[in-house]
mmCIF file of all heavy atoms, coordinates in Angstrom:
data_MODEL
# 
_entry.id   MODEL 
# 
loop_
_atom_site.group_PDB 
_atom_site.id 
_atom_site.type_symbol 
_atom_site.label_atom_id 
_atom_site.label_alt_id 
_atom_site.label_comp_id 
_atom_site.label_asym_id 
_atom_site.label_entity_id 
_atom_site.label_seq_id 
_atom_site.pdbx_PDB_ins_code 
_atom_site.Cartn_x 
_atom_site.Cartn_y 
_atom_site.Cartn_z 
_atom_site.occupancy 
_atom_site.B_iso_or_equiv 
_atom_site.pdbx_formal_charge 
_atom_site.auth_seq_id 
_atom_site.auth_comp_id 
_atom_site.auth_asym_id 
_atom_site.auth_atom_id 
_atom_site.pdbx_PDB_model_num 
ATOM 1   N N   . VAL A 1 1  ? 0.866   -1.153 0.047  1.00 0.00 ? 1  VAL A N   1 
ATOM 2   C CA  . VAL A 1 1  ? 0.013   -0.022 -0.013 1.00 0.00 ? 1  VAL A CA  1 
ATOM 3   C C   . VAL A 1 1  ? 0.884   1.341  -0.088 1.00 0.00 ? 1  VAL A C   1 
ATOM 4   O O   . VAL A 1 1  ? 0.740   2.270  -0.822 1.00 0.00 ? 1  VAL A O   1 
ATOM 5   C CB  . VAL A 1 1  ? -0.866  -0.024 1.233  1.00 0.00 ? 1  VAL A CB  1 
ATOM 6   C CG1 . VAL A 1 1  ? -1.625  1.304  1.371  1.00 0.00 ? 1  VAL A CG1 1 
ATOM 7   C CG2 . VAL A 1 1  ? -1.885  -1.181 1.126  1.00 0.00 ? 1  VAL A CG2 1 
ATOM 8   N N   . ILE A 1 2  ? 1.812   1.198  0.902  1.00 0.00 ? 2  ILE A N   1 
ATOM 9   C CA  . ILE A 1 2  ? 2.855   2.436  1.005  1.00 0.00 ? 2  ILE A CA  1 
ATOM 10  C C   . ILE A 1 2  ? 3.509   2.595  -0.275 1.00 0.00 ? 2  ILE A C   1 
ATOM 11  O O   . ILE A 1 2  ? 3.799   3.765  -0.771 1.00 0.00 ? 2  ILE A O   1 
ATOM 12  C CB  . ILE A 1 2  ? 3.689   2.259  2.231  1.00 0.00 ? 2  ILE A CB  1 
ATOM 13  C CG1 . ILE A 1 2  ? 2.898   2.358  3.517  1.00 0.00 ? 2  ILE A CG1 1 
ATOM 14  C CG2 . ILE A 1 2  ? 4.751   3.259  2.206  1.00 0.00 ? 2  ILE A CG2 1 
ATOM 15  C CD1 . ILE A 1 2  ? 3.694   1.875  4.797  1.00 0.00 ? 2  ILE A CD1 1 
ATOM 16  N N   . SER A 1 3  ? 4.038   1.541  -0.808 1.00 0.00 ? 3  SER A N   1 
ATOM 17  C CA  . SER A 1 3  ? 4.840   1.656  -2.051 1.00 0.00 ? 3  SER A CA  1 
ATOM 18  C C   . SER A 1 3  ? 4.104   2.329  -3.296 1.00 0.00 ? 3  SER A C   1 
ATOM 19  O O   . SER A 1 3  ? 4.719   2.921  -4.205 1.00 0.00 ? 3  SER A O   1 
ATOM 20  C CB  . SER A 1 3  ? 5.316   0.382  -2.660 1.00 0.00 ? 3  SER A CB  1 
ATOM 21  O OG  . SER A 1 3  ? 4.349   -0.476 -3.007 1.00 0.00 ? 3  SER A OG  1 
ATOM 22  N N   . LYS A 1 4  ? 2.703   2.267  -3.228 1.00 0.00 ? 4  LYS A N   1 
ATOM 23  C CA  . LYS A 1 4  ? 1.969   2.745  -4.343 1.00 0.00 ? 4  LYS A CA  1 
ATOM 24  C C   . LYS A 1 4  ? 1.667   4.208  -4.158 1.00 0.00 ? 4  LYS A C   1 
ATOM 25  O O   . LYS A 1 4  ? 0.968   4.893  -4.877 1.00 0.00 ? 4  LYS A O   1 
ATOM 26  C CB  . LYS A 1 4  ? 0.557   1.974  -4.525 1.00 0.00 ? 4  LYS A CB  1 
ATOM 27  C CG  . LYS A 1 4  ? 0.865   0.595  -5.030 1.00 0.00 ? 4  LYS A CG  1 
ATOM 28  C CD  . LYS A 1 4  ? -0.405  -0.227 -5.023 1.00 0.00 ? 4  LYS A CD  1 
ATOM 29  C CE  . LYS A 1 4  ? -0.128  -1.765 -5.518 1.00 0.00 ? 4  LYS A CE  1 
ATOM 30  N NZ  . LYS A 1 4  ? -1.332  -2.506 -5.470 1.00 0.00 ? 4  LYS A NZ  1 
ATOM 31  N N   . ILE A 1 5  ? 1.917   4.743  -2.903 1.00 0.00 ? 5  ILE A N   1 
ATOM 32  C CA  . ILE A 1 5  ? 1.599   6.256  -2.585 1.00 0.00 ? 5  ILE A CA  1 
ATOM 33  C C   . ILE A 1 5  ? 2.700   7.071  -3.395 1.00 0.00 ? 5  ILE A C   1 
ATOM 34  O O   . ILE A 1 5  ? 3.879   7.060  -3.058 1.00 0.00 ? 5  ILE A O   1 
ATOM 35  C CB  . ILE A 1 5  ? 1.637   6.595  -1.123 1.00 0.00 ? 5  ILE A CB  1 
ATOM 36  C CG1 . ILE A 1 5  ? 0.694   5.651  -0.354 1.00 0.00 ? 5  ILE A CG1 1 
ATOM 37  C CG2 . ILE A 1 5  ? 1.324   7.982  -0.897 1.00 0.00 ? 5  ILE A CG2 1 
ATOM 38  C CD1 . ILE A 1 5  ? 0.783   5.781  1.103  1.00 0.00 ? 5  ILE A CD1 1 
ATOM 39  N N   . GLU A 1 6  ? 2.255   7.690  -4.413 1.00 0.00 ? 6  GLU A N   1 
ATOM 40  C CA  . GLU A 1 6  ? 3.139   8.600  -5.266 1.00 0.00 ? 6  GLU A CA  1 
ATOM 41  C C   . GLU A 1 6  ? 3.722   9.924  -4.508 1.00 0.00 ? 6  GLU A C   1 
ATOM 42  O O   . GLU A 1 6  ? 4.866   10.052 -4.491 1.00 0.00 ? 6  GLU A O   1 
ATOM 43  C CB  . GLU A 1 6  ? 2.627   8.816  -6.645 1.00 0.00 ? 6  GLU A CB  1 
ATOM 44  C CG  . GLU A 1 6  ? 2.458   7.505  -7.506 1.00 0.00 ? 6  GLU A CG  1 
ATOM 45  C CD  . GLU A 1 6  ? 1.939   7.834  -8.831 1.00 0.00 ? 6  GLU A CD  1 
ATOM 46  O OE1 . GLU A 1 6  ? 1.873   9.127  -9.295 1.00 0.00 ? 6  GLU A OE1 1 
ATOM 47  O OE2 . GLU A 1 6  ? 1.577   6.970  -9.576 1.00 0.00 ? 6  GLU A OE2 1 
ATOM 48  N N   . ASP A 1 7  ? 2.749   10.648 -4.184 1.00 0.00 ? 7  ASP A N   1 
ATOM 49  C CA  . ASP A 1 7  ? 3.161   11.873 -3.454 1.00 0.00 ? 7  ASP A CA  1 
ATOM 50  C C   . ASP A 1 7  ? 3.096   11.718 -1.935 1.00 0.00 ? 7  ASP A C   1 
ATOM 51  O O   . ASP A 1 7  ? 2.048   11.626 -1.455 1.00 0.00 ? 7  ASP A O   1 
ATOM 52  C CB  . ASP A 1 7  ? 2.136   13.008 -3.928 1.00 0.00 ? 7  ASP A CB  1 
ATOM 53  C CG  . ASP A 1 7  ? 2.579   14.372 -3.357 1.00 0.00 ? 7  ASP A CG  1 
ATOM 54  O OD1 . ASP A 1 7  ? 3.674   14.381 -2.847 1.00 0.00 ? 7  ASP A OD1 1 
ATOM 55  O OD2 . ASP A 1 7  ? 1.838   15.320 -3.422 1.00 0.00 ? 7  ASP A OD2 1 
ATOM 56  N N   . PHE A 1 8  ? 4.313   11.469 -1.410 1.00 0.00 ? 8  PHE A N   1 
ATOM 57  C CA  . PHE A 1 8  ? 4.307   10.884 0.063  1.00 0.00 ? 8  PHE A CA  1 
ATOM 58  C C   . PHE A 1 8  ? 4.196   12.000 1.030  1.00 0.00 ? 8  PHE A C   1 
ATOM 59  O O   . PHE A 1 8  ? 5.044   12.353 1.766  1.00 0.00 ? 8  PHE A O   1 
ATOM 60  C CB  . PHE A 1 8  ? 5.667   10.176 0.203  1.00 0.00 ? 8  PHE A CB  1 
ATOM 61  C CG  . PHE A 1 8  ? 5.571   9.061  1.327  1.00 0.00 ? 8  PHE A CG  1 
ATOM 62  C CD1 . PHE A 1 8  ? 4.835   7.968  1.247  1.00 0.00 ? 8  PHE A CD1 1 
ATOM 63  C CD2 . PHE A 1 8  ? 6.455   9.280  2.548  1.00 0.00 ? 8  PHE A CD2 1 
ATOM 64  C CE1 . PHE A 1 8  ? 4.771   7.004  2.274  1.00 0.00 ? 8  PHE A CE1 1 
ATOM 65  C CE2 . PHE A 1 8  ? 6.238   8.345  3.534  1.00 0.00 ? 8  PHE A CE2 1 
ATOM 66  C CZ  . PHE A 1 8  ? 5.591   7.201  3.340  1.00 0.00 ? 8  PHE A CZ  1 
ATOM 67  N N   . THR A 1 9  ? 2.931   12.538 1.102  1.00 0.00 ? 9  THR A N   1 
ATOM 68  C CA  . THR A 1 9  ? 2.643   13.651 2.028  1.00 0.00 ? 9  THR A CA  1 
ATOM 69  C C   . THR A 1 9  ? 1.906   13.025 3.256  1.00 0.00 ? 9  THR A C   1 
ATOM 70  O O   . THR A 1 9  ? 1.330   11.970 3.181  1.00 0.00 ? 9  THR A O   1 
ATOM 71  C CB  . THR A 1 9  ? 1.766   14.845 1.419  1.00 0.00 ? 9  THR A CB  1 
ATOM 72  O OG1 . THR A 1 9  ? 0.564   14.163 0.991  1.00 0.00 ? 9  THR A OG1 1 
ATOM 73  C CG2 . THR A 1 9  ? 2.457   15.344 0.219  1.00 0.00 ? 9  THR A CG2 1 
ATOM 74  N N   . ILE A 1 10 ? 1.845   13.860 4.408  1.00 0.00 ? 10 ILE A N   1 
ATOM 75  C CA  . ILE A 1 10 ? 0.922   13.423 5.427  1.00 0.00 ? 10 ILE A CA  1 
ATOM 76  C C   . ILE A 1 10 ? -0.365  13.128 5.079  1.00 0.00 ? 10 ILE A C   1 
ATOM 77  O O   . ILE A 1 10 ? -0.937  12.064 5.472  1.00 0.00 ? 10 ILE A O   1 
ATOM 78  C CB  . ILE A 1 10 ? 1.153   14.443 6.648  1.00 0.00 ? 10 ILE A CB  1 
ATOM 79  C CG1 . ILE A 1 10 ? 2.531   14.571 7.209  1.00 0.00 ? 10 ILE A CG1 1 
ATOM 80  C CG2 . ILE A 1 10 ? -0.032  14.087 7.719  1.00 0.00 ? 10 ILE A CG2 1 
ATOM 81  C CD1 . ILE A 1 10 ? 2.612   15.591 8.290  1.00 0.00 ? 10 ILE A CD1 1 
ATOM 82  N N   . GLU A 1 11 ? -1.033  14.008 4.305  1.00 0.00 ? 11 GLU A N   1 
ATOM 83  C CA  . GLU A 1 11 ? -2.469  13.817 3.949  1.00 0.00 ? 11 GLU A CA  1 
ATOM 84  C C   . GLU A 1 11 ? -2.580  12.571 3.122  1.00 0.00 ? 11 GLU A C   1 
ATOM 85  O O   . GLU A 1 11 ? -3.588  11.759 3.388  1.00 0.00 ? 11 GLU A O   1 
ATOM 86  C CB  . GLU A 1 11 ? -2.841  15.091 3.124  1.00 0.00 ? 11 GLU A CB  1 
ATOM 87  C CG  . GLU A 1 11 ? -4.334  15.077 2.865  1.00 0.00 ? 11 GLU A CG  1 
ATOM 88  C CD  . GLU A 1 11 ? -4.789  16.356 2.052  1.00 0.00 ? 11 GLU A CD  1 
ATOM 89  O OE1 . GLU A 1 11 ? -3.973  17.075 1.573  1.00 0.00 ? 11 GLU A OE1 1 
ATOM 90  O OE2 . GLU A 1 11 ? -6.064  16.451 1.837  1.00 0.00 ? 11 GLU A OE2 1 
ATOM 91  N N   . ASN A 1 12 ? -1.760  12.293 2.033  1.00 0.00 ? 12 ASN A N   1 
ATOM 92  C CA  . ASN A 1 12 ? -1.999  11.219 1.198  1.00 0.00 ? 12 ASN A CA  1 
ATOM 93  C C   . ASN A 1 12 ? -1.689  9.931  1.970  1.00 0.00 ? 12 ASN A C   1 
ATOM 94  O O   . ASN A 1 12 ? -2.471  8.953  1.790  1.00 0.00 ? 12 ASN A O   1 
ATOM 95  C CB  . ASN A 1 12 ? -0.976  11.345 0.052  1.00 0.00 ? 12 ASN A CB  1 
ATOM 96  C CG  . ASN A 1 12 ? -1.376  12.359 -0.893 1.00 0.00 ? 12 ASN A CG  1 
ATOM 97  O OD1 . ASN A 1 12 ? -2.429  12.855 -0.962 1.00 0.00 ? 12 ASN A OD1 1 
ATOM 98  N ND2 . ASN A 1 12 ? -0.416  12.714 -1.784 1.00 0.00 ? 12 ASN A ND2 1 
ATOM 99  N N   . THR A 1 13 ? -0.604  9.853  2.753  1.00 0.00 ? 13 THR A N   1 
ATOM 100 C CA  . THR A 1 13 ? -0.450  8.618  3.533  1.00 0.00 ? 13 THR A CA  1 
ATOM 101 C C   . THR A 1 13 ? -1.568  8.239  4.432  1.00 0.00 ? 13 THR A C   1 
ATOM 102 O O   . THR A 1 13 ? -2.005  7.110  4.642  1.00 0.00 ? 13 THR A O   1 
ATOM 103 C CB  . THR A 1 13 ? 0.928   8.622  4.284  1.00 0.00 ? 13 THR A CB  1 
ATOM 104 O OG1 . THR A 1 13 ? 0.809   9.967  5.191  1.00 0.00 ? 13 THR A OG1 1 
ATOM 105 C CG2 . THR A 1 13 ? 2.091   8.746  3.435  1.00 0.00 ? 13 THR A CG2 1 
ATOM 106 N N   . GLN A 1 14 ? -2.100  9.262  5.101  1.00 0.00 ? 14 GLN A N   1 
ATOM 107 C CA  . GLN A 1 14 ? -3.290  9.110  6.049  1.00 0.00 ? 14 GLN A CA  1 
ATOM 108 C C   . GLN A 1 14 ? -4.529  8.554  5.200  1.00 0.00 ? 14 GLN A C   1 
ATOM 109 O O   . GLN A 1 14 ? -5.078  7.567  5.614  1.00 0.00 ? 14 GLN A O   1 
ATOM 110 C CB  . GLN A 1 14 ? -3.703  10.462 6.633  1.00 0.00 ? 14 GLN A CB  1 
ATOM 111 C CG  . GLN A 1 14 ? -2.887  10.746 7.938  1.00 0.00 ? 14 GLN A CG  1 
ATOM 112 C CD  . GLN A 1 14 ? -3.461  11.965 8.620  1.00 0.00 ? 14 GLN A CD  1 
ATOM 113 O OE1 . GLN A 1 14 ? -3.907  12.910 7.986  1.00 0.00 ? 14 GLN A OE1 1 
ATOM 114 N NE2 . GLN A 1 14 ? -3.475  11.975 9.928  1.00 0.00 ? 14 GLN A NE2 1 
ATOM 115 N N   . ILE A 1 15 ? -4.774  9.157  4.128  1.00 0.00 ? 15 ILE A N   1 
ATOM 116 C CA  . ILE A 1 15 ? -6.050  8.785  3.321  1.00 0.00 ? 15 ILE A CA  1 
ATOM 117 C C   . ILE A 1 15 ? -5.824  7.343  2.937  1.00 0.00 ? 15 ILE A C   1 
ATOM 118 O O   . ILE A 1 15 ? -6.720  6.427  2.937  1.00 0.00 ? 15 ILE A O   1 
ATOM 119 C CB  . ILE A 1 15 ? -6.137  9.681  1.999  1.00 0.00 ? 15 ILE A CB  1 
ATOM 120 C CG1 . ILE A 1 15 ? -6.600  11.077 2.540  1.00 0.00 ? 15 ILE A CG1 1 
ATOM 121 C CG2 . ILE A 1 15 ? -7.098  9.133  1.186  1.00 0.00 ? 15 ILE A CG2 1 
ATOM 122 C CD1 . ILE A 1 15 ? -6.647  12.174 1.503  1.00 0.00 ? 15 ILE A CD1 1 
ATOM 123 N N   . ASP A 1 16 ? -4.653  6.952  2.197  1.00 0.00 ? 16 ASP A N   1 
ATOM 124 C CA  . ASP A 1 16 ? -4.469  5.621  1.649  1.00 0.00 ? 16 ASP A CA  1 
ATOM 125 C C   . ASP A 1 16 ? -4.442  4.505  2.753  1.00 0.00 ? 16 ASP A C   1 
ATOM 126 O O   . ASP A 1 16 ? -4.926  3.489  2.568  1.00 0.00 ? 16 ASP A O   1 
ATOM 127 C CB  . ASP A 1 16 ? -3.183  5.683  0.834  1.00 0.00 ? 16 ASP A CB  1 
ATOM 128 C CG  . ASP A 1 16 ? -3.392  6.367  -0.436 1.00 0.00 ? 16 ASP A CG  1 
ATOM 129 O OD1 . ASP A 1 16 ? -4.373  7.127  -0.555 1.00 0.00 ? 16 ASP A OD1 1 
ATOM 130 O OD2 . ASP A 1 16 ? -2.500  6.191  -1.354 1.00 0.00 ? 16 ASP A OD2 1 
ATOM 131 N N   . ILE A 1 17 ? -3.670  4.767  3.745  1.00 0.00 ? 17 ILE A N   1 
ATOM 132 C CA  . ILE A 1 17 ? -3.516  3.699  4.846  1.00 0.00 ? 17 ILE A CA  1 
ATOM 133 C C   . ILE A 1 17 ? -4.745  3.603  5.621  1.00 0.00 ? 17 ILE A C   1 
ATOM 134 O O   . ILE A 1 17 ? -5.097  2.397  5.887  1.00 0.00 ? 17 ILE A O   1 
ATOM 135 C CB  . ILE A 1 17 ? -2.289  4.016  5.764  1.00 0.00 ? 17 ILE A CB  1 
ATOM 136 C CG1 . ILE A 1 17 ? -0.985  3.878  5.013  1.00 0.00 ? 17 ILE A CG1 1 
ATOM 137 C CG2 . ILE A 1 17 ? -2.327  3.149  6.941  1.00 0.00 ? 17 ILE A CG2 1 
ATOM 138 C CD1 . ILE A 1 17 ? 0.268   4.389  5.758  1.00 0.00 ? 17 ILE A CD1 1 
ATOM 139 N N   . LYS A 1 18 ? -5.428  4.629  6.010  1.00 0.00 ? 18 LYS A N   1 
ATOM 140 C CA  . LYS A 1 18 ? -6.628  4.573  6.791  1.00 0.00 ? 18 LYS A CA  1 
ATOM 141 C C   . LYS A 1 18 ? -7.791  3.932  5.869  1.00 0.00 ? 18 LYS A C   1 
ATOM 142 O O   . LYS A 1 18 ? -8.629  3.102  6.374  1.00 0.00 ? 18 LYS A O   1 
ATOM 143 C CB  . LYS A 1 18 ? -7.117  5.887  7.334  1.00 0.00 ? 18 LYS A CB  1 
ATOM 144 C CG  . LYS A 1 18 ? -6.207  6.268  8.473  1.00 0.00 ? 18 LYS A CG  1 
ATOM 145 C CD  . LYS A 1 18 ? -6.728  7.652  9.109  1.00 0.00 ? 18 LYS A CD  1 
ATOM 146 C CE  . LYS A 1 18 ? -5.868  7.957  10.283 1.00 0.00 ? 18 LYS A CE  1 
ATOM 147 N NZ  . LYS A 1 18 ? -6.214  9.355  10.877 1.00 0.00 ? 18 LYS A NZ  1 
ATOM 148 N N   . GLY A 1 19 ? -7.773  4.263  4.589  1.00 0.00 ? 19 GLY A N   1 
ATOM 149 C CA  . GLY A 1 19 ? -8.645  3.746  3.740  1.00 0.00 ? 19 GLY A CA  1 
ATOM 150 C C   . GLY A 1 19 ? -8.487  2.251  3.455  1.00 0.00 ? 19 GLY A C   1 
ATOM 151 O O   . GLY A 1 19 ? -9.491  1.452  3.439  1.00 0.00 ? 19 GLY A O   1 
ATOM 152 N N   . TRP A 1 20 ? -7.219  1.822  3.467  1.00 0.00 ? 20 TRP A N   1 
ATOM 153 C CA  . TRP A 1 20 ? -7.057  0.405  3.375  1.00 0.00 ? 20 TRP A CA  1 
ATOM 154 C C   . TRP A 1 20 ? -7.360  -0.464 4.581  1.00 0.00 ? 20 TRP A C   1 
ATOM 155 O O   . TRP A 1 20 ? -7.983  -1.426 4.588  1.00 0.00 ? 20 TRP A O   1 
ATOM 156 C CB  . TRP A 1 20 ? -5.421  0.241  3.141  1.00 0.00 ? 20 TRP A CB  1 
ATOM 157 C CG  . TRP A 1 20 ? -4.941  -1.222 3.268  1.00 0.00 ? 20 TRP A CG  1 
ATOM 158 C CD1 . TRP A 1 20 ? -5.161  -2.266 2.393  1.00 0.00 ? 20 TRP A CD1 1 
ATOM 159 C CD2 . TRP A 1 20 ? -4.149  -1.755 4.310  1.00 0.00 ? 20 TRP A CD2 1 
ATOM 160 N NE1 . TRP A 1 20 ? -4.616  -3.366 2.810  1.00 0.00 ? 20 TRP A NE1 1 
ATOM 161 C CE2 . TRP A 1 20 ? -3.908  -3.112 3.987  1.00 0.00 ? 20 TRP A CE2 1 
ATOM 162 C CE3 . TRP A 1 20 ? -3.601  -1.219 5.429  1.00 0.00 ? 20 TRP A CE3 1 
ATOM 163 C CZ2 . TRP A 1 20 ? -3.261  -3.921 4.839  1.00 0.00 ? 20 TRP A CZ2 1 
ATOM 164 C CZ3 . TRP A 1 20 ? -2.933  -2.081 6.315  1.00 0.00 ? 20 TRP A CZ3 1 
ATOM 165 C CH2 . TRP A 1 20 ? -2.666  -3.454 6.003  1.00 0.00 ? 20 TRP A CH2 1 
ATOM 166 N N   . ILE A 1 21 ? -7.134  0.207  5.804  1.00 0.00 ? 21 ILE A N   1 
ATOM 167 C CA  . ILE A 1 21 ? -7.664  -0.564 7.011  1.00 0.00 ? 21 ILE A CA  1 
ATOM 168 C C   . ILE A 1 21 ? -9.075  -0.601 7.071  1.00 0.00 ? 21 ILE A C   1 
ATOM 169 O O   . ILE A 1 21 ? -9.713  -1.638 7.447  1.00 0.00 ? 21 ILE A O   1 
ATOM 170 C CB  . ILE A 1 21 ? -7.007  0.292  8.216  1.00 0.00 ? 21 ILE A CB  1 
ATOM 171 C CG1 . ILE A 1 21 ? -5.523  0.245  8.312  1.00 0.00 ? 21 ILE A CG1 1 
ATOM 172 C CG2 . ILE A 1 21 ? -7.612  -0.266 9.504  1.00 0.00 ? 21 ILE A CG2 1 
ATOM 173 C CD1 . ILE A 1 21 ? -4.984  1.239  9.342  1.00 0.00 ? 21 ILE A CD1 1 
ATOM 174 N N   . THR A 1 22 ? -9.847  0.400  6.689  1.00 0.00 ? 22 THR A N   1 
ATOM 175 C CA  . THR A 1 22 ? -11.249 0.459  6.679  1.00 0.00 ? 22 THR A CA  1 
ATOM 176 C C   . THR A 1 22 ? -11.862 -0.630 5.772  1.00 0.00 ? 22 THR A C   1 
ATOM 177 O O   . THR A 1 22 ? -12.662 -1.373 6.049  1.00 0.00 ? 22 THR A O   1 
ATOM 178 C CB  . THR A 1 22 ? -11.817 1.851  6.355  1.00 0.00 ? 22 THR A CB  1 
ATOM 179 O OG1 . THR A 1 22 ? -11.298 2.747  7.283  1.00 0.00 ? 22 THR A OG1 1 
ATOM 180 C CG2 . THR A 1 22 ? -13.284 1.856  6.395  1.00 0.00 ? 22 THR A CG2 1 
ATOM 181 N N   . ALA A 1 23 ? -11.211 -0.642 4.544  1.00 0.00 ? 23 ALA A N   1 
ATOM 182 C CA  . ALA A 1 23 ? -11.605 -1.594 3.407  1.00 0.00 ? 23 ALA A CA  1 
ATOM 183 C C   . ALA A 1 23 ? -11.459 -3.080 4.102  1.00 0.00 ? 23 ALA A C   1 
ATOM 184 O O   . ALA A 1 23 ? -12.306 -3.824 3.617  1.00 0.00 ? 23 ALA A O   1 
ATOM 185 C CB  . ALA A 1 23 ? -10.937 -1.357 2.239  1.00 0.00 ? 23 ALA A CB  1 
ATOM 186 N N   . LYS A 1 24 ? -10.460 -3.416 4.811  1.00 0.00 ? 24 LYS A N   1 
ATOM 187 C CA  . LYS A 1 24 ? -10.196 -4.630 5.355  1.00 0.00 ? 24 LYS A CA  1 
ATOM 188 C C   . LYS A 1 24 ? -11.091 -4.971 6.495  1.00 0.00 ? 24 LYS A C   1 
ATOM 189 O O   . LYS A 1 24 ? -11.121 -6.182 6.925  1.00 0.00 ? 24 LYS A O   1 
ATOM 190 C CB  . LYS A 1 24 ? -8.704  -4.832 5.685  1.00 0.00 ? 24 LYS A CB  1 
ATOM 191 C CG  . LYS A 1 24 ? -7.744  -4.891 4.450  1.00 0.00 ? 24 LYS A CG  1 
ATOM 192 C CD  . LYS A 1 24 ? -6.378  -5.359 4.784  1.00 0.00 ? 24 LYS A CD  1 
ATOM 193 C CE  . LYS A 1 24 ? -6.267  -6.778 5.245  1.00 0.00 ? 24 LYS A CE  1 
ATOM 194 N NZ  . LYS A 1 24 ? -6.501  -7.646 4.181  1.00 0.00 ? 24 LYS A NZ  1 
ATOM 195 N N   . GLU A 1 25 ? -11.758 -4.050 7.037  1.00 0.00 ? 25 GLU A N   1 
ATOM 196 C CA  . GLU A 1 25 ? -12.675 -4.142 8.200  1.00 0.00 ? 25 GLU A CA  1 
ATOM 197 C C   . GLU A 1 25 ? -11.936 -4.811 9.423  1.00 0.00 ? 25 GLU A C   1 
ATOM 198 O O   . GLU A 1 25 ? -12.322 -5.709 9.950  1.00 0.00 ? 25 GLU A O   1 
ATOM 199 C CB  . GLU A 1 25 ? -13.860 -5.047 7.731  1.00 0.00 ? 25 GLU A CB  1 
ATOM 200 C CG  . GLU A 1 25 ? -14.715 -4.421 6.582  1.00 0.00 ? 25 GLU A CG  1 
ATOM 201 C CD  . GLU A 1 25 ? -15.911 -5.288 6.431  1.00 0.00 ? 25 GLU A CD  1 
ATOM 202 O OE1 . GLU A 1 25 ? -15.982 -6.346 6.756  1.00 0.00 ? 25 GLU A OE1 1 
ATOM 203 O OE2 . GLU A 1 25 ? -16.969 -4.750 5.794  1.00 0.00 ? 25 GLU A OE2 1 
# 
């Protein structure tokens, strides 16, 4: 998940990682 984040900002990492956790329930 982290390797696919292109613009490694605080906002982007939060959105992608939290989104992934939520999706995995």
